[in-house]
């Protein structure tokens, strides 16, 4: 089971410093989310192990290998110094751009997560999104590193999300193709295309499209794993616009399949929304 390790450049101390917002975590009404539909305690009562990090989050996997816990990398959005520092005018302009840029980056990230929580909960396997400070969770969670060192954190003070765990698209498709399960591969392709269509019909775009890293499968059904790049786009409800987006999103995956099975790649292309 992969865990936090100093060799990976991610110590527990480093993780905590980069994910805990500057105190206090402030309340924003626009970040309010619905309570979880099922109890979180059975999920969060087990240890979680370091899985990896992306540009937006640190990810941990549950001991039972069923859930992913993602903490936002707060250091990417921290505002340097003050909004109006005592700099010369030309440095103030540079500072202001950085200040506004960090605010906008965090705003877009949370708006994307809220879109997923509101409109794509099933499609993303999103169980719970926590952006505001709270007192109702009353849940401490155990994180464990490679050397079996543990650290408990109080989730009421962190911004995080929980998703159901699955397999990345290429891993799932590769297993089906390599075992000669062409019908299973076609069913997986149908599920990927159906997932894209659901997003288009809801008028939601993705600024970081791509099936290889950002989509996958949970119990045989396609899911969006990356929830950090969604945005409203009503144009995608138009079939021609949706088709162009589907071609772009699936291009690398279709090329990979074409090298393995040209007939299956042609089937994929015929099924695009």
C-alpha atoms as a PDB file:
ATOM      1  CA  UNK A   1       0.000   0.000   0.000  1.00  0.00           C
ATOM      2  CA  UNK A   2       1.602   3.309  -1.054  1.00  0.00           C
ATOM      3  CA  UNK A   3       2.060   5.802   1.771  1.00  0.00           C
ATOM      4  CA  UNK A   4       3.641   9.139   2.509  1.00  0.00           C
ATOM      5  CA  UNK A   5       7.399   8.812   2.383  1.00  0.00           C
ATOM      6  CA  UNK A   6      10.247  11.242   2.806  1.00  0.00           C
ATOM      7  CA  UNK A   7      11.829   9.806  -0.339  1.00  0.00           C
ATOM      8  CA  UNK A   8       8.786  10.930  -2.322  1.00  0.00           C
ATOM      9  CA  UNK A   9       9.268  14.476  -1.065  1.00  0.00           C
ATOM     10  CA  UNK A  10       6.040  14.433   0.897  1.00  0.00           C
ATOM     11  CA  UNK A  11       6.531  14.149   4.644  1.00  0.00           C
ATOM     12  CA  UNK A  12       3.591  14.340   7.010  1.00  0.00           C
ATOM     13  CA  UNK A  13       4.809  17.724   8.226  1.00  0.00           C
ATOM     14  CA  UNK A  14       5.114  18.969   4.636  1.00  0.00           C
ATOM     15  CA  UNK A  15       1.626  17.704   3.810  1.00  0.00           C
ATOM     16  CA  UNK A  16       0.037  19.330   6.849  1.00  0.00           C
ATOM     17  CA  UNK A  17       1.716  22.671   6.223  1.00  0.00           C
ATOM     18  CA  UNK A  18       0.553  22.712   2.610  1.00  0.00           C
ATOM     19  CA  UNK A  19      -3.044  21.626   3.149  1.00  0.00           C
ATOM     20  CA  UNK A  20      -4.118  23.437   6.306  1.00  0.00           C
ATOM     21  CA  UNK A  21      -5.543  26.881   5.433  1.00  0.00           C
ATOM     22  CA  UNK A  22      -4.125  29.888   7.312  1.00  0.00           C
ATOM     23  CA  UNK A  23      -6.168  30.115  10.543  1.00  0.00           C
ATOM     24  CA  UNK A  24      -8.981  30.596  10.868  1.00  0.00           C
ATOM     25  CA  UNK A  25     -10.727  28.804   7.992  1.00  0.00           C
ATOM     26  CA  UNK A  26     -13.389  31.343   7.024  1.00  0.00           C
ATOM     27  CA  UNK A  27     -17.016  30.653   6.161  1.00  0.00           C
ATOM     28  CA  UNK A  28     -18.379  31.394   2.665  1.00  0.00           C
ATOM     29  CA  UNK A  29     -22.090  30.917   2.058  1.00  0.00           C
ATOM     30  CA  UNK A  30     -21.430  30.084  -1.609  1.00  0.00           C
ATOM     31  CA  UNK A  31     -19.271  27.136  -0.505  1.00  0.00           C
ATOM     32  CA  UNK A  32     -22.001  25.518   1.565  1.00  0.00           C
ATOM     33  CA  UNK A  33     -22.754  21.901   0.609  1.00  0.00           C
ATOM     34  CA  UNK A  34     -25.388  19.344   1.530  1.00  0.00           C
ATOM     35  CA  UNK A  35     -24.600  16.915   4.339  1.00  0.00           C
ATOM     36  CA  UNK A  36     -23.564  13.417   3.266  1.00  0.00           C
ATOM     37  CA  UNK A  37     -26.427  11.116   2.325  1.00  0.00           C
ATOM     38  CA  UNK A  38     -24.819   8.215   4.179  1.00  0.00           C
ATOM     39  CA  UNK A  39     -22.785   8.127   7.423  1.00  0.00           C
ATOM     40  CA  UNK A  40     -19.124   9.080   7.029  1.00  0.00           C
ATOM     41  CA  UNK A  41     -17.932   7.446  10.238  1.00  0.00           C
ATOM     42  CA  UNK A  42     -17.622   3.912   8.783  1.00  0.00           C
ATOM     43  CA  UNK A  43     -15.472   5.349   5.978  1.00  0.00           C
ATOM     44  CA  UNK A  44     -13.322   7.668   8.076  1.00  0.00           C
ATOM     45  CA  UNK A  45     -12.780   5.366  11.045  1.00  0.00           C
ATOM     46  CA  UNK A  46     -10.080   3.486   9.121  1.00  0.00           C
ATOM     47  CA  UNK A  47      -6.518   4.664   8.332  1.00  0.00           C
ATOM     48  CA  UNK A  48      -5.783   6.360   5.026  1.00  0.00           C
ATOM     49  CA  UNK A  49      -2.503   5.947   3.137  1.00  0.00           C
ATOM     50  CA  UNK A  50      -0.760   8.385   0.838  1.00  0.00           C
ATOM     51  CA  UNK A  51      -1.501   7.630  -2.812  1.00  0.00           C
ATOM     52  CA  UNK A  52      -0.098  10.597  -4.731  1.00  0.00           C
ATOM     53  CA  UNK A  53      -0.483  14.269  -5.518  1.00  0.00           C
ATOM     54  CA  UNK A  54      -1.693  16.306  -8.451  1.00  0.00           C
ATOM     55  CA  UNK A  55      -1.615  20.002  -9.179  1.00  0.00           C
ATOM     56  CA  UNK A  56      -4.645  20.606  -6.930  1.00  0.00           C
ATOM     57  CA  UNK A  57      -4.750  17.899  -4.275  1.00  0.00           C
ATOM     58  CA  UNK A  58      -2.997  15.331  -2.133  1.00  0.00           C
ATOM     59  CA  UNK A  59      -4.764  11.969  -2.422  1.00  0.00           C
ATOM     60  CA  UNK A  60      -5.032   9.212   0.184  1.00  0.00           C
ATOM     61  CA  UNK A  61      -6.553   5.755  -0.203  1.00  0.00           C
ATOM     62  CA  UNK A  62      -8.540   4.008   2.521  1.00  0.00           C
ATOM     63  CA  UNK A  63      -7.296   0.829   4.186  1.00  0.00           C
ATOM     64  CA  UNK A  64     -10.122  -1.149   2.570  1.00  0.00           C
ATOM     65  CA  UNK A  65      -9.105   0.249  -0.860  1.00  0.00           C
ATOM     66  CA  UNK A  66     -12.618   1.558  -1.550  1.00  0.00           C
ATOM     67  CA  UNK A  67     -12.319   5.326  -1.045  1.00  0.00           C
ATOM     68  CA  UNK A  68     -10.117   8.248  -2.024  1.00  0.00           C
ATOM     69  CA  UNK A  69      -9.692  11.215   0.320  1.00  0.00           C
ATOM     70  CA  UNK A  70      -8.409  14.387  -1.345  1.00  0.00           C
ATOM     71  CA  UNK A  71      -7.037  17.420   0.498  1.00  0.00           C
ATOM     72  CA  UNK A  72      -6.633  20.666  -1.432  1.00  0.00           C
ATOM     73  CA  UNK A  73      -3.082  21.967  -1.732  1.00  0.00           C
ATOM     74  CA  UNK A  74      -3.686  25.253   0.064  1.00  0.00           C
ATOM     75  CA  UNK A  75      -0.140  26.519  -0.494  1.00  0.00           C
ATOM     76  CA  UNK A  76      -0.989  27.046  -4.174  1.00  0.00           C
ATOM     77  CA  UNK A  77      -3.691  29.562  -3.249  1.00  0.00           C
ATOM     78  CA  UNK A  78      -2.178  31.442  -0.349  1.00  0.00           C
ATOM     79  CA  UNK A  79      -2.008  35.192  -0.875  1.00  0.00           C
ATOM     80  CA  UNK A  80       1.560  36.564  -0.666  1.00  0.00           C
ATOM     81  CA  UNK A  81       2.048  39.225   2.005  1.00  0.00           C
ATOM     82  CA  UNK A  82      -0.832  41.751   1.902  1.00  0.00           C
ATOM     83  CA  UNK A  83      -3.292  43.003  -0.683  1.00  0.00           C
ATOM     84  CA  UNK A  84      -1.693  46.474  -0.715  1.00  0.00           C
ATOM     85  CA  UNK A  85       1.997  46.111   0.242  1.00  0.00           C
ATOM     86  CA  UNK A  86       4.365  49.104   0.556  1.00  0.00           C
ATOM     87  CA  UNK A  87       6.051  48.410  -2.793  1.00  0.00           C
ATOM     88  CA  UNK A  88       7.088  50.737  -5.628  1.00  0.00           C
ATOM     89  CA  UNK A  89       4.266  51.132  -8.158  1.00  0.00           C
ATOM     90  CA  UNK A  90       5.691  48.685 -10.723  1.00  0.00           C
ATOM     91  CA  UNK A  91       6.073  45.969  -8.042  1.00  0.00           C
ATOM     92  CA  UNK A  92       2.580  46.657  -6.721  1.00  0.00           C
ATOM     93  CA  UNK A  93       1.184  45.866 -10.167  1.00  0.00           C
ATOM     94  CA  UNK A  94       3.032  42.537 -10.266  1.00  0.00           C
ATOM     95  CA  UNK A  95       1.912  41.723  -6.742  1.00  0.00           C
ATOM     96  CA  UNK A  96      -1.706  42.619  -7.513  1.00  0.00           C
ATOM     97  CA  UNK A  97      -1.732  40.267 -10.520  1.00  0.00           C
ATOM     98  CA  UNK A  98      -0.460  37.448  -8.320  1.00  0.00           C
ATOM     99  CA  UNK A  99      -2.992  38.321  -5.641  1.00  0.00           C
ATOM    100  CA  UNK A 100      -5.940  38.333  -8.048  1.00  0.00           C
ATOM    101  CA  UNK A 101      -4.642  35.255  -9.870  1.00  0.00           C
ATOM    102  CA  UNK A 102      -4.511  33.144  -6.707  1.00  0.00           C
ATOM    103  CA  UNK A 103      -7.993  34.234  -5.659  1.00  0.00           C
ATOM    104  CA  UNK A 104      -9.400  33.400  -9.099  1.00  0.00           C
ATOM    105  CA  UNK A 105      -7.617  30.038  -9.246  1.00  0.00           C
ATOM    106  CA  UNK A 106      -9.099  28.931  -5.931  1.00  0.00           C
ATOM    107  CA  UNK A 107     -12.522  30.305  -6.885  1.00  0.00           C
ATOM    108  CA  UNK A 108     -12.536  28.288 -10.140  1.00  0.00           C
ATOM    109  CA  UNK A 109     -11.433  25.135  -8.332  1.00  0.00           C
ATOM    110  CA  UNK A 110     -14.163  25.341  -5.701  1.00  0.00           C
ATOM    111  CA  UNK A 111     -16.822  26.313  -8.266  1.00  0.00           C
ATOM    112  CA  UNK A 112     -15.878  23.187 -10.221  1.00  0.00           C
ATOM    113  CA  UNK A 113     -16.143  20.998  -7.127  1.00  0.00           C
ATOM    114  CA  UNK A 114     -19.529  22.530  -6.315  1.00  0.00           C
ATOM    115  CA  UNK A 115     -20.737  21.809  -9.868  1.00  0.00           C
ATOM    116  CA  UNK A 116     -19.724  18.190  -9.377  1.00  0.00           C
ATOM    117  CA  UNK A 117     -21.423  18.054  -5.984  1.00  0.00           C
ATOM    118  CA  UNK A 118     -24.648  19.524  -7.374  1.00  0.00           C
ATOM    119  CA  UNK A 119     -24.940  18.056 -10.866  1.00  0.00           C
ATOM    120  CA  UNK A 120     -22.417  15.219 -11.264  1.00  0.00           C
ATOM    121  CA  UNK A 121     -22.421  13.474  -7.895  1.00  0.00           C
ATOM    122  CA  UNK A 122     -23.109  10.004  -9.274  1.00  0.00           C
ATOM    123  CA  UNK A 123     -20.918  10.565 -12.342  1.00  0.00           C
ATOM    124  CA  UNK A 124     -17.926  11.457 -10.154  1.00  0.00           C
ATOM    125  CA  UNK A 125     -18.554   9.038  -7.296  1.00  0.00           C
ATOM    126  CA  UNK A 126     -18.442  12.062  -4.999  1.00  0.00           C
ATOM    127  CA  UNK A 127     -19.542  11.108  -1.493  1.00  0.00           C
ATOM    128  CA  UNK A 128     -18.894  14.342   0.367  1.00  0.00           C
ATOM    129  CA  UNK A 129     -17.418  17.799  -0.253  1.00  0.00           C
ATOM    130  CA  UNK A 130     -16.282  19.903   2.722  1.00  0.00           C
ATOM    131  CA  UNK A 131     -15.197  23.497   2.025  1.00  0.00           C
ATOM    132  CA  UNK A 132     -16.409  25.500   5.038  1.00  0.00           C
ATOM    133  CA  UNK A 133     -15.274  25.300   8.661  1.00  0.00           C
ATOM    134  CA  UNK A 134     -17.588  23.064  10.640  1.00  0.00           C
ATOM    135  CA  UNK A 135     -18.197  21.482  14.005  1.00  0.00           C
ATOM    136  CA  UNK A 136     -20.623  18.707  13.022  1.00  0.00           C
ATOM    137  CA  UNK A 137     -18.119  16.175  11.676  1.00  0.00           C
ATOM    138  CA  UNK A 138     -16.369  15.617  15.000  1.00  0.00           C
ATOM    139  CA  UNK A 139     -14.139  13.204  13.157  1.00  0.00           C
ATOM    140  CA  UNK A 140     -10.421  12.731  13.512  1.00  0.00           C
ATOM    141  CA  UNK A 141      -8.766  10.692  10.816  1.00  0.00           C
ATOM    142  CA  UNK A 142      -5.536   8.737  10.889  1.00  0.00           C
ATOM    143  CA  UNK A 143      -2.956   9.209   8.138  1.00  0.00           C
ATOM    144  CA  UNK A 144      -0.084   6.766   7.982  1.00  0.00           C
ATOM    145  CA  UNK A 145       3.290   6.988   6.264  1.00  0.00           C
ATOM    146  CA  UNK A 146       5.654   4.409   4.830  1.00  0.00           C
ATOM    147  CA  UNK A 147       7.428   3.932   8.169  1.00  0.00           C
ATOM    148  CA  UNK A 148       4.116   3.208   9.933  1.00  0.00           C
ATOM    149  CA  UNK A 149       4.138   6.631  11.602  1.00  0.00           C
ATOM    150  CA  UNK A 150       0.650   7.984  12.138  1.00  0.00           C
ATOM    151  CA  UNK A 151      -0.838  11.437  12.487  1.00  0.00           C
ATOM    152  CA  UNK A 152      -4.419  12.331  13.420  1.00  0.00           C
ATOM    153  CA  UNK A 153      -6.103  15.436  12.030  1.00  0.00           C
ATOM    154  CA  UNK A 154      -9.479  16.994  12.798  1.00  0.00           C
ATOM    155  CA  UNK A 155     -11.443  17.078   9.531  1.00  0.00           C
ATOM    156  CA  UNK A 156     -13.667  19.966  10.673  1.00  0.00           C
ATOM    157  CA  UNK A 157     -10.665  22.251  10.046  1.00  0.00           C
ATOM    158  CA  UNK A 158      -9.756  20.989   6.567  1.00  0.00           C
ATOM    159  CA  UNK A 159     -11.135  21.436   3.059  1.00  0.00           C
ATOM    160  CA  UNK A 160     -11.456  18.008   1.451  1.00  0.00           C
ATOM    161  CA  UNK A 161     -13.584  15.646  -0.586  1.00  0.00           C
ATOM    162  CA  UNK A 162     -14.253  11.914  -0.552  1.00  0.00           C
ATOM    163  CA  UNK A 163     -14.792   9.814  -3.674  1.00  0.00           C
ATOM    164  CA  UNK A 164     -15.336   6.161  -4.413  1.00  0.00           C
ATOM    165  CA  UNK A 165     -12.138   4.564  -5.701  1.00  0.00           C
ATOM    166  CA  UNK A 166     -11.894   3.067  -9.172  1.00  0.00           C
ATOM    167  CA  UNK A 167      -9.474   2.097 -11.936  1.00  0.00           C
ATOM    168  CA  UNK A 168      -8.119   4.545 -14.490  1.00  0.00           C
ATOM    169  CA  UNK A 169      -9.507   4.164 -18.011  1.00  0.00           C
ATOM    170  CA  UNK A 170      -6.396   2.718 -19.664  1.00  0.00           C
ATOM    171  CA  UNK A 171      -5.848   0.191 -16.882  1.00  0.00           C
ATOM    172  CA  UNK A 172      -9.445  -1.025 -17.125  1.00  0.00           C
ATOM    173  CA  UNK A 173      -9.467  -1.142 -20.930  1.00  0.00           C
ATOM    174  CA  UNK A 174      -6.041  -2.779 -21.051  1.00  0.00           C
ATOM    175  CA  UNK A 175      -7.210  -5.645 -18.852  1.00  0.00           C
ATOM    176  CA  UNK A 176     -10.233  -6.236 -21.069  1.00  0.00           C
ATOM    177  CA  UNK A 177      -8.276  -6.092 -24.336  1.00  0.00           C
ATOM    178  CA  UNK A 178      -5.380  -8.233 -23.113  1.00  0.00           C
ATOM    179  CA  UNK A 179      -7.750 -10.972 -21.934  1.00  0.00           C
ATOM    180  CA  UNK A 180      -9.596 -10.927 -25.264  1.00  0.00           C
ATOM    181  CA  UNK A 181     -12.814  -9.645 -23.742  1.00  0.00           C
ATOM    182  CA  UNK A 182     -13.883  -7.546 -26.724  1.00  0.00           C
ATOM    183  CA  UNK A 183     -17.524  -7.379 -25.643  1.00  0.00           C
ATOM    184  CA  UNK A 184     -16.447  -6.146 -22.243  1.00  0.00           C
ATOM    185  CA  UNK A 185     -14.240  -3.526 -23.912  1.00  0.00           C
ATOM    186  CA  UNK A 186     -17.163  -2.376 -26.065  1.00  0.00           C
ATOM    187  CA  UNK A 187     -19.338  -2.113 -22.963  1.00  0.00           C
ATOM    188  CA  UNK A 188     -16.640   0.012 -21.293  1.00  0.00           C
ATOM    189  CA  UNK A 189     -16.445   2.275 -24.355  1.00  0.00           C
ATOM    190  CA  UNK A 190     -20.236   2.631 -24.337  1.00  0.00           C
ATOM    191  CA  UNK A 191     -20.049   3.659 -20.678  1.00  0.00           C
ATOM    192  CA  UNK A 192     -17.339   6.269 -21.341  1.00  0.00           C
ATOM    193  CA  UNK A 193     -19.346   7.798 -24.179  1.00  0.00           C
ATOM    194  CA  UNK A 194     -22.538   7.739 -22.116  1.00  0.00           C
ATOM    195  CA  UNK A 195     -20.707   9.547 -19.303  1.00  0.00           C
ATOM    196  CA  UNK A 196     -19.558  12.299 -21.650  1.00  0.00           C
ATOM    197  CA  UNK A 197     -23.080  12.649 -23.008  1.00  0.00           C
ATOM    198  CA  UNK A 198     -24.486  13.119 -19.496  1.00  0.00           C
ATOM    199  CA  UNK A 199     -22.048  15.966 -18.886  1.00  0.00           C
ATOM    200  CA  UNK A 200     -22.927  17.604 -22.203  1.00  0.00           C
ATOM    201  CA  UNK A 201     -26.671  17.376 -21.582  1.00  0.00           C
ATOM    202  CA  UNK A 202     -26.154  19.161 -18.265  1.00  0.00           C
ATOM    203  CA  UNK A 203     -24.222  21.952 -19.993  1.00  0.00           C
ATOM    204  CA  UNK A 204     -20.959  21.350 -18.158  1.00  0.00           C
ATOM    205  CA  UNK A 205     -17.541  21.667 -19.765  1.00  0.00           C
ATOM    206  CA  UNK A 206     -14.136  20.425 -18.617  1.00  0.00           C
ATOM    207  CA  UNK A 207     -11.029  22.612 -18.888  1.00  0.00           C
ATOM    208  CA  UNK A 208      -8.792  19.561 -18.427  1.00  0.00           C
ATOM    209  CA  UNK A 209     -10.362  16.963 -20.726  1.00  0.00           C
ATOM    210  CA  UNK A 210      -8.800  13.587 -21.226  1.00  0.00           C
ATOM    211  CA  UNK A 211      -9.847  10.037 -20.490  1.00  0.00           C
ATOM    212  CA  UNK A 212      -6.458   8.571 -19.610  1.00  0.00           C
ATOM    213  CA  UNK A 213      -5.823  10.434 -16.346  1.00  0.00           C
ATOM    214  CA  UNK A 214      -9.137  12.078 -15.451  1.00  0.00           C
ATOM    215  CA  UNK A 215     -11.675   9.335 -16.130  1.00  0.00           C
ATOM    216  CA  UNK A 216     -11.970   5.734 -15.067  1.00  0.00           C
ATOM    217  CA  UNK A 217     -14.281   2.988 -13.882  1.00  0.00           C
ATOM    218  CA  UNK A 218     -15.969   2.041 -10.643  1.00  0.00           C
ATOM    219  CA  UNK A 219     -17.589  -1.402 -10.633  1.00  0.00           C
ATOM    220  CA  UNK A 220     -17.645  -1.376 -14.428  1.00  0.00           C
ATOM    221  CA  UNK A 221     -19.262   2.045 -14.802  1.00  0.00           C
ATOM    222  CA  UNK A 222     -17.351   5.040 -16.190  1.00  0.00           C
ATOM    223  CA  UNK A 223     -16.666   7.928 -13.811  1.00  0.00           C
ATOM    224  CA  UNK A 224     -15.019  11.342 -13.806  1.00  0.00           C
ATOM    225  CA  UNK A 225     -12.213  11.158 -11.230  1.00  0.00           C
ATOM    226  CA  UNK A 226     -10.958  14.737 -11.597  1.00  0.00           C
ATOM    227  CA  UNK A 227     -13.564  17.192 -10.273  1.00  0.00           C
ATOM    228  CA  UNK A 228     -11.369  20.310 -10.382  1.00  0.00           C
ATOM    229  CA  UNK A 229     -11.880  21.652 -13.894  1.00  0.00           C
ATOM    230  CA  UNK A 230     -15.647  21.732 -14.569  1.00  0.00           C
ATOM    231  CA  UNK A 231     -17.375  24.919 -15.714  1.00  0.00           C
ATOM    232  CA  UNK A 232     -20.837  25.857 -17.084  1.00  0.00           C
ATOM    233  CA  UNK A 233     -21.033  25.660 -20.878  1.00  0.00           C
ATOM    234  CA  UNK A 234     -24.510  25.599 -22.379  1.00  0.00           C
ATOM    235  CA  UNK A 235     -23.043  25.345 -25.898  1.00  0.00           C
ATOM    236  CA  UNK A 236     -22.221  21.703 -25.177  1.00  0.00           C
ATOM    237  CA  UNK A 237     -25.926  20.916 -25.332  1.00  0.00           C
ATOM    238  CA  UNK A 238     -25.582  21.385 -29.111  1.00  0.00           C
ATOM    239  CA  UNK A 239     -24.739  18.064 -30.765  1.00  0.00           C
ATOM    240  CA  UNK A 240     -22.042  19.443 -33.087  1.00  0.00           C
ATOM    241  CA  UNK A 241     -20.226  21.216 -30.240  1.00  0.00           C
ATOM    242  CA  UNK A 242     -20.507  18.138 -28.029  1.00  0.00           C
ATOM    243  CA  UNK A 243     -19.107  15.891 -30.763  1.00  0.00           C
ATOM    244  CA  UNK A 244     -16.031  18.080 -31.236  1.00  0.00           C
ATOM    245  CA  UNK A 245     -15.420  18.038 -27.499  1.00  0.00           C
ATOM    246  CA  UNK A 246     -15.843  14.253 -27.357  1.00  0.00           C
ATOM    247  CA  UNK A 247     -13.318  13.819 -30.183  1.00  0.00           C
ATOM    248  CA  UNK A 248     -10.787  15.958 -28.316  1.00  0.00           C
ATOM    249  CA  UNK A 249     -11.410  14.311 -24.941  1.00  0.00           C
ATOM    250  CA  UNK A 250     -11.090  10.768 -26.302  1.00  0.00           C
ATOM    251  CA  UNK A 251      -8.298  11.355 -28.870  1.00  0.00           C
ATOM    252  CA  UNK A 252      -5.374   9.880 -26.896  1.00  0.00           C
ATOM    253  CA  UNK A 253      -7.429   6.949 -25.629  1.00  0.00           C
ATOM    254  CA  UNK A 254      -8.699   6.117 -29.121  1.00  0.00           C
ATOM    255  CA  UNK A 255      -5.157   6.300 -30.510  1.00  0.00           C
ATOM    256  CA  UNK A 256      -3.946   3.924 -27.791  1.00  0.00           C
ATOM    257  CA  UNK A 257      -6.781   1.494 -28.576  1.00  0.00           C
ATOM    258  CA  UNK A 258      -6.073   1.759 -32.312  1.00  0.00           C
ATOM    259  CA  UNK A 259      -2.551   0.450 -31.719  1.00  0.00           C
ATOM    260  CA  UNK A 260      -4.017  -2.530 -29.837  1.00  0.00           C
ATOM    261  CA  UNK A 261      -7.180  -3.198 -31.850  1.00  0.00           C
ATOM    262  CA  UNK A 262      -8.079  -1.010 -34.868  1.00  0.00           C
ATOM    263  CA  UNK A 263     -11.572  -2.523 -35.057  1.00  0.00           C
ATOM    264  CA  UNK A 264     -12.280  -1.545 -31.464  1.00  0.00           C
ATOM    265  CA  UNK A 265     -10.985   1.980 -32.124  1.00  0.00           C
ATOM    266  CA  UNK A 266     -13.409   2.299 -35.035  1.00  0.00           C
ATOM    267  CA  UNK A 267     -16.223   1.147 -32.749  1.00  0.00           C
ATOM    268  CA  UNK A 268     -15.194   3.821 -30.227  1.00  0.00           C
ATOM    269  CA  UNK A 269     -15.300   6.549 -32.879  1.00  0.00           C
ATOM    270  CA  UNK A 270     -18.756   5.436 -34.025  1.00  0.00           C
ATOM    271  CA  UNK A 271     -20.108   5.711 -30.474  1.00  0.00           C
ATOM    272  CA  UNK A 272     -18.904   9.236 -29.690  1.00  0.00           C
ATOM    273  CA  UNK A 273     -21.741  11.626 -28.731  1.00  0.00           C
END
